[in-house]
Amino acid sequence: MATAELHGNKLRPFELGYQAFKNGTPLTQNPYQLEKDTSPVSMQRWIEGWNKAQREAWRKA
């Protein structure tokens, strides 16, 4: 399972997806999908975070 920390706090899938977009990670590189994670909810939350970051980037452009 994908894990990361920010200031000692574990990031949730939504936050990881948001961060992934900011780092230039393509949507197809969802770590929850790649690892065949047993939680489809985590996979969907990661996608939602990625999409939100993308929408915000479009608004700023």
PDB file of N, CA and C in Angstrom:
ATOM      1  N   MET A   1       0.844  -1.174   0.000  1.00  0.00           N
ATOM      2  CA  MET A   1       0.000   0.000   0.000  1.00  0.00           C
ATOM      3  C   MET A   1       0.891   1.240   0.000  1.00  0.00           C
ATOM      4  N   ALA A   2       0.452   2.270  -0.672  1.00  0.00           N
ATOM      5  CA  ALA A   2       1.207   3.515  -0.729  1.00  0.00           C
ATOM      6  C   ALA A   2       1.117   4.236   0.617  1.00  0.00           C
ATOM      7  N   THR A   3       2.257   4.701   1.084  1.00  0.00           N
ATOM      8  CA  THR A   3       2.272   5.468   2.321  1.00  0.00           C
ATOM      9  C   THR A   3       3.228   6.635   2.169  1.00  0.00           C
ATOM     10  N   ALA A   4       2.922   7.705   2.839  1.00  0.00           N
ATOM     11  CA  ALA A   4       3.772   8.889   2.867  1.00  0.00           C
ATOM     12  C   ALA A   4       3.422   9.667   4.115  1.00  0.00           C
ATOM     13  N   GLU A   5       4.327  10.551   4.493  1.00  0.00           N
ATOM     14  CA  GLU A   5       4.079  11.365   5.676  1.00  0.00           C
ATOM     15  C   GLU A   5       4.390  12.819   5.385  1.00  0.00           C
ATOM     16  N   LEU A   6       3.671  13.696   6.052  1.00  0.00           N
ATOM     17  CA  LEU A   6       3.902  15.123   5.996  1.00  0.00           C
ATOM     18  C   LEU A   6       3.892  15.610   7.424  1.00  0.00           C
ATOM     19  N   HIS A   7       4.994  16.119   7.892  1.00  0.00           N
ATOM     20  CA  HIS A   7       5.128  16.587   9.276  1.00  0.00           C
ATOM     21  C   HIS A   7       4.769  15.492  10.264  1.00  0.00           C
ATOM     22  N   GLY A   8       5.146  14.252   9.941  1.00  0.00           N
ATOM     23  CA  GLY A   8       4.910  13.134  10.845  1.00  0.00           C
ATOM     24  C   GLY A   8       3.519  12.540  10.783  1.00  0.00           C
ATOM     25  N   ASN A   9       2.641  13.102   9.967  1.00  0.00           N
ATOM     26  CA  ASN A   9       1.274  12.583   9.828  1.00  0.00           C
ATOM     27  C   ASN A   9       1.149  11.798   8.531  1.00  0.00           C
ATOM     28  N   LYS A  10       0.511  10.650   8.598  1.00  0.00           N
ATOM     29  CA  LYS A  10       0.315   9.846   7.392  1.00  0.00           C
ATOM     30  C   LYS A  10      -0.680  10.546   6.467  1.00  0.00           C
ATOM     31  N   LEU A  11      -0.340  10.555   5.185  1.00  0.00           N
ATOM     32  CA  LEU A  11      -1.219  11.156   4.188  1.00  0.00           C
ATOM     33  C   LEU A  11      -2.274  10.141   3.763  1.00  0.00           C
ATOM     34  N   ARG A  12      -3.472  10.627   3.560  1.00  0.00           N
ATOM     35  CA  ARG A  12      -4.555   9.777   3.088  1.00  0.00           C
ATOM     36  C   ARG A  12      -4.489   9.664   1.568  1.00  0.00           C
ATOM     37  N   PRO A  13      -5.179   8.687   0.991  1.00  0.00           N
ATOM     38  CA  PRO A  13      -5.135   8.499  -0.464  1.00  0.00           C
ATOM     39  C   PRO A  13      -5.478   9.764  -1.253  1.00  0.00           C
ATOM     40  N   PHE A  14      -6.460  10.551  -0.783  1.00  0.00           N
ATOM     41  CA  PHE A  14      -6.825  11.783  -1.483  1.00  0.00           C
ATOM     42  C   PHE A  14      -5.624  12.725  -1.542  1.00  0.00           C
ATOM     43  N   GLU A  15      -4.959  12.899  -0.423  1.00  0.00           N
ATOM     44  CA  GLU A  15      -3.801  13.790  -0.355  1.00  0.00           C
ATOM     45  C   GLU A  15      -2.645  13.278  -1.210  1.00  0.00           C
ATOM     46  N   LEU A  16      -2.473  11.953  -1.220  1.00  0.00           N
ATOM     47  CA  LEU A  16      -1.416  11.363  -2.051  1.00  0.00           C
ATOM     48  C   LEU A  16      -1.696  11.599  -3.533  1.00  0.00           C
ATOM     49  N   GLY A  17      -2.950  11.486  -3.941  1.00  0.00           N
ATOM     50  CA  GLY A  17      -3.317  11.742  -5.333  1.00  0.00           C
ATOM     51  C   GLY A  17      -3.104  13.196  -5.708  1.00  0.00           C
ATOM     52  N   TYR A  18      -3.476  14.084  -4.799  1.00  0.00           N
ATOM     53  CA  TYR A  18      -3.294  15.524  -5.017  1.00  0.00           C
ATOM     54  C   TYR A  18      -1.810  15.824  -5.206  1.00  0.00           C
ATOM     55  N   GLN A  19      -1.006  15.284  -4.320  1.00  0.00           N
ATOM     56  CA  GLN A  19       0.436  15.481  -4.365  1.00  0.00           C
ATOM     57  C   GLN A  19       1.037  14.862  -5.633  1.00  0.00           C
ATOM     58  N   ALA A  20       0.508  13.736  -6.039  1.00  0.00           N
ATOM     59  CA  ALA A  20       1.012  13.053  -7.236  1.00  0.00           C
ATOM     60  C   ALA A  20       0.852  13.942  -8.470  1.00  0.00           C
ATOM     61  N   PHE A  21      -0.293  14.594  -8.612  1.00  0.00           N
ATOM     62  CA  PHE A  21      -0.482  15.475  -9.760  1.00  0.00           C
ATOM     63  C   PHE A  21       0.528  16.615  -9.723  1.00  0.00           C
ATOM     64  N   LYS A  22       0.710  17.189  -8.550  1.00  0.00           N
ATOM     65  CA  LYS A  22       1.656  18.305  -8.398  1.00  0.00           C
ATOM     66  C   LYS A  22       3.081  17.872  -8.744  1.00  0.00           C
ATOM     67  N   ASN A  23       3.393  16.602  -8.517  1.00  0.00           N
ATOM     68  CA  ASN A  23       4.723  16.072  -8.815  1.00  0.00           C
ATOM     69  C   ASN A  23       4.864  15.571 -10.248  1.00  0.00           C
ATOM     70  N   GLY A  24       3.785  15.659 -11.037  1.00  0.00           N
ATOM     71  CA  GLY A  24       3.841  15.245 -12.430  1.00  0.00           C
ATOM     72  C   GLY A  24       3.576  13.771 -12.672  1.00  0.00           C
ATOM     73  N   THR A  25       3.037  13.080 -11.682  1.00  0.00           N
ATOM     74  CA  THR A  25       2.720  11.662 -11.829  1.00  0.00           C
ATOM     75  C   THR A  25       1.445  11.512 -12.660  1.00  0.00           C
ATOM     76  N   PRO A  26       1.470  10.688 -13.706  1.00  0.00           N
ATOM     77  CA  PRO A  26       0.262  10.506 -14.512  1.00  0.00           C
ATOM     78  C   PRO A  26      -0.819   9.728 -13.753  1.00  0.00           C
ATOM     79  N   LEU A  27      -2.044   9.942 -14.147  1.00  0.00           N
ATOM     80  CA  LEU A  27      -3.192   9.291 -13.517  1.00  0.00           C
ATOM     81  C   LEU A  27      -3.070   7.774 -13.563  1.00  0.00           C
ATOM     82  N   THR A  28      -2.440   7.256 -14.579  1.00  0.00           N
ATOM     83  CA  THR A  28      -2.293   5.808 -14.738  1.00  0.00           C
ATOM     84  C   THR A  28      -1.324   5.194 -13.733  1.00  0.00           C
ATOM     85  N   GLN A  29      -0.611   6.005 -12.992  1.00  0.00           N
ATOM     86  CA  GLN A  29       0.356   5.507 -12.016  1.00  0.00           C
ATOM     87  C   GLN A  29      -0.209   5.480 -10.604  1.00  0.00           C
ATOM     88  N   ASN A  30      -1.507   5.305 -10.486  1.00  0.00           N
ATOM     89  CA  ASN A  30      -2.171   5.207  -9.188  1.00  0.00           C
ATOM     90  C   ASN A  30      -1.590   4.014  -8.426  1.00  0.00           C
ATOM     91  N   PRO A  31      -0.911   4.256  -7.305  1.00  0.00           N
ATOM     92  CA  PRO A  31      -0.275   3.138  -6.598  1.00  0.00           C
ATOM     93  C   PRO A  31      -1.271   2.117  -6.056  1.00  0.00           C
ATOM     94  N   TYR A  32      -2.477   2.536  -5.777  1.00  0.00           N
ATOM     95  CA  TYR A  32      -3.486   1.608  -5.272  1.00  0.00           C
ATOM     96  C   TYR A  32      -3.952   0.665  -6.376  1.00  0.00           C
ATOM     97  N   GLN A  33      -3.986   1.149  -7.593  1.00  0.00           N
ATOM     98  CA  GLN A  33      -4.360   0.313  -8.729  1.00  0.00           C
ATOM     99  C   GLN A  33      -3.208  -0.615  -9.095  1.00  0.00           C
ATOM    100  N   LEU A  34      -1.986  -0.101  -9.050  1.00  0.00           N
ATOM    101  CA  LEU A  34      -0.816  -0.889  -9.442  1.00  0.00           C
ATOM    102  C   LEU A  34      -0.548  -2.030  -8.477  1.00  0.00           C
ATOM    103  N   GLU A  35      -0.842  -1.819  -7.197  1.00  0.00           N
ATOM    104  CA  GLU A  35      -0.581  -2.838  -6.191  1.00  0.00           C
ATOM    105  C   GLU A  35      -1.750  -3.805  -6.018  1.00  0.00           C
ATOM    106  N   LYS A  36      -2.776  -3.641  -6.810  1.00  0.00           N
ATOM    107  CA  LYS A  36      -3.975  -4.477  -6.673  1.00  0.00           C
ATOM    108  C   LYS A  36      -4.506  -4.397  -5.239  1.00  0.00           C
ATOM    109  N   ASP A  37      -4.535  -3.167  -4.738  1.00  0.00           N
ATOM    110  CA  ASP A  37      -4.987  -2.923  -3.372  1.00  0.00           C
ATOM    111  C   ASP A  37      -6.381  -3.517  -3.171  1.00  0.00           C
ATOM    112  N   THR A  38      -6.620  -4.012  -1.993  1.00  0.00           N
ATOM    113  CA  THR A  38      -7.910  -4.629  -1.709  1.00  0.00           C
ATOM    114  C   THR A  38      -8.993  -3.599  -1.450  1.00  0.00           C
ATOM    115  N   SER A  39      -8.637  -2.321  -1.390  1.00  0.00           N
ATOM    116  CA  SER A  39      -9.611  -1.281  -1.111  1.00  0.00           C
ATOM    117  C   SER A  39      -9.859  -0.417  -2.342  1.00  0.00           C
ATOM    118  N   PRO A  40     -10.947  -0.668  -3.064  1.00  0.00           N
ATOM    119  CA  PRO A  40     -11.245   0.176  -4.218  1.00  0.00           C
ATOM    120  C   PRO A  40     -11.545   1.616  -3.796  1.00  0.00           C
ATOM    121  N   VAL A  41     -11.923   1.801  -2.533  1.00  0.00           N
ATOM    122  CA  VAL A  41     -12.199   3.145  -2.034  1.00  0.00           C
ATOM    123  C   VAL A  41     -10.911   3.961  -2.028  1.00  0.00           C
ATOM    124  N   SER A  42      -9.807   3.381  -1.592  1.00  0.00           N
ATOM    125  CA  SER A  42      -8.515   4.076  -1.588  1.00  0.00           C
ATOM    126  C   SER A  42      -8.123   4.468  -3.010  1.00  0.00           C
ATOM    127  N   MET A  43      -8.320   3.563  -3.938  1.00  0.00           N
ATOM    128  CA  MET A  43      -7.989   3.849  -5.330  1.00  0.00           C
ATOM    129  C   MET A  43      -8.817   5.028  -5.837  1.00  0.00           C
ATOM    130  N   GLN A  44     -10.101   5.048  -5.529  1.00  0.00           N
ATOM    131  CA  GLN A  44     -10.973   6.123  -5.985  1.00  0.00           C
ATOM    132  C   GLN A  44     -10.626   7.443  -5.313  1.00  0.00           C
ATOM    133  N   ARG A  45     -10.296   7.429  -4.033  1.00  0.00           N
ATOM    134  CA  ARG A  45      -9.920   8.665  -3.323  1.00  0.00           C
ATOM    135  C   ARG A  45      -8.652   9.257  -3.918  1.00  0.00           C
ATOM    136  N   TRP A  46      -7.684   8.399  -4.304  1.00  0.00           N
ATOM    137  CA  TRP A  46      -6.451   8.871  -4.926  1.00  0.00           C
ATOM    138  C   TRP A  46      -6.788   9.587  -6.241  1.00  0.00           C
ATOM    139  N   ILE A  47      -7.671   8.993  -7.035  1.00  0.00           N
ATOM    140  CA  ILE A  47      -8.097   9.594  -8.308  1.00  0.00           C
ATOM    141  C   ILE A  47      -8.787  10.927  -8.061  1.00  0.00           C
ATOM    142  N   GLU A  48      -9.627  11.001  -7.035  1.00  0.00           N
ATOM    143  CA  GLU A  48     -10.319  12.250  -6.716  1.00  0.00           C
ATOM    144  C   GLU A  48      -9.326  13.351  -6.346  1.00  0.00           C
ATOM    145  N   GLY A  49      -8.311  13.020  -5.572  1.00  0.00           N
ATOM    146  CA  GLY A  49      -7.286  14.002  -5.217  1.00  0.00           C
ATOM    147  C   GLY A  49      -6.518  14.471  -6.439  1.00  0.00           C
ATOM    148  N   TRP A  50      -6.160  13.543  -7.307  1.00  0.00           N
ATOM    149  CA  TRP A  50      -5.436  13.866  -8.543  1.00  0.00           C
ATOM    150  C   TRP A  50      -6.279  14.799  -9.412  1.00  0.00           C
ATOM    151  N   ASN A  51      -7.569  14.457  -9.559  1.00  0.00           N
ATOM    152  CA  ASN A  51      -8.473  15.279 -10.377  1.00  0.00           C
ATOM    153  C   ASN A  51      -8.654  16.679  -9.805  1.00  0.00           C
ATOM    154  N   LYS A  52      -8.750  16.785  -8.482  1.00  0.00           N
ATOM    155  CA  LYS A  52      -8.917  18.103  -7.865  1.00  0.00           C
ATOM    156  C   LYS A  52      -7.704  18.981  -8.141  1.00  0.00           C
ATOM    157  N   ALA A  53      -6.512  18.435  -8.005  1.00  0.00           N
ATOM    158  CA  ALA A  53      -5.297  19.199  -8.279  1.00  0.00           C
ATOM    159  C   ALA A  53      -5.253  19.630  -9.742  1.00  0.00           C
ATOM    160  N   GLN A  54      -5.707  18.759 -10.622  1.00  0.00           N
ATOM    161  CA  GLN A  54      -5.731  19.092 -12.044  1.00  0.00           C
ATOM    162  C   GLN A  54      -6.710  20.235 -12.319  1.00  0.00           C
ATOM    163  N   ARG A  55      -7.894  20.175 -11.723  1.00  0.00           N
ATOM    164  CA  ARG A  55      -8.881  21.254 -11.915  1.00  0.00           C
ATOM    165  C   ARG A  55      -8.331  22.588 -11.405  1.00  0.00           C
ATOM    166  N   GLU A  56      -7.666  22.569 -10.269  1.00  0.00           N
ATOM    167  CA  GLU A  56      -7.102  23.799  -9.721  1.00  0.00           C
ATOM    168  C   GLU A  56      -6.006  24.344 -10.629  1.00  0.00           C
ATOM    169  N   ALA A  57      -5.220  23.465 -11.222  1.00  0.00           N
ATOM    170  CA  ALA A  57      -4.172  23.905 -12.141  1.00  0.00           C
ATOM    171  C   ALA A  57      -4.794  24.554 -13.389  1.00  0.00           C
ATOM    172  N   TRP A  58      -5.898  24.009 -13.871  1.00  0.00           N
ATOM    173  CA  TRP A  58      -6.575  24.581 -15.042  1.00  0.00           C
ATOM    174  C   TRP A  58      -7.114  25.980 -14.716  1.00  0.00           C
ATOM    175  N   ARG A  59      -7.652  26.148 -13.518  1.00  0.00           N
ATOM    176  CA  ARG A  59      -8.194  27.454 -13.141  1.00  0.00           C
ATOM    177  C   ARG A  59      -7.110  28.509 -13.053  1.00  0.00           C
ATOM    178  N   LYS A  60      -5.919  28.108 -12.634  1.00  0.00           N
ATOM    179  CA  LYS A  60      -4.818  29.061 -12.492  1.00  0.00           C
ATOM    180  C   LYS A  60      -4.182  29.411 -13.832  1.00  0.00           C
ATOM    181  N   ALA A  61      -4.394  28.562 -14.822  1.00  0.00           N
ATOM    182  CA  ALA A  61      -3.761  28.790 -16.133  1.00  0.00           C
ATOM    183  C   ALA A  61      -4.477  29.860 -16.934  1.00  0.00           C
TER     184      ALA A  61
END
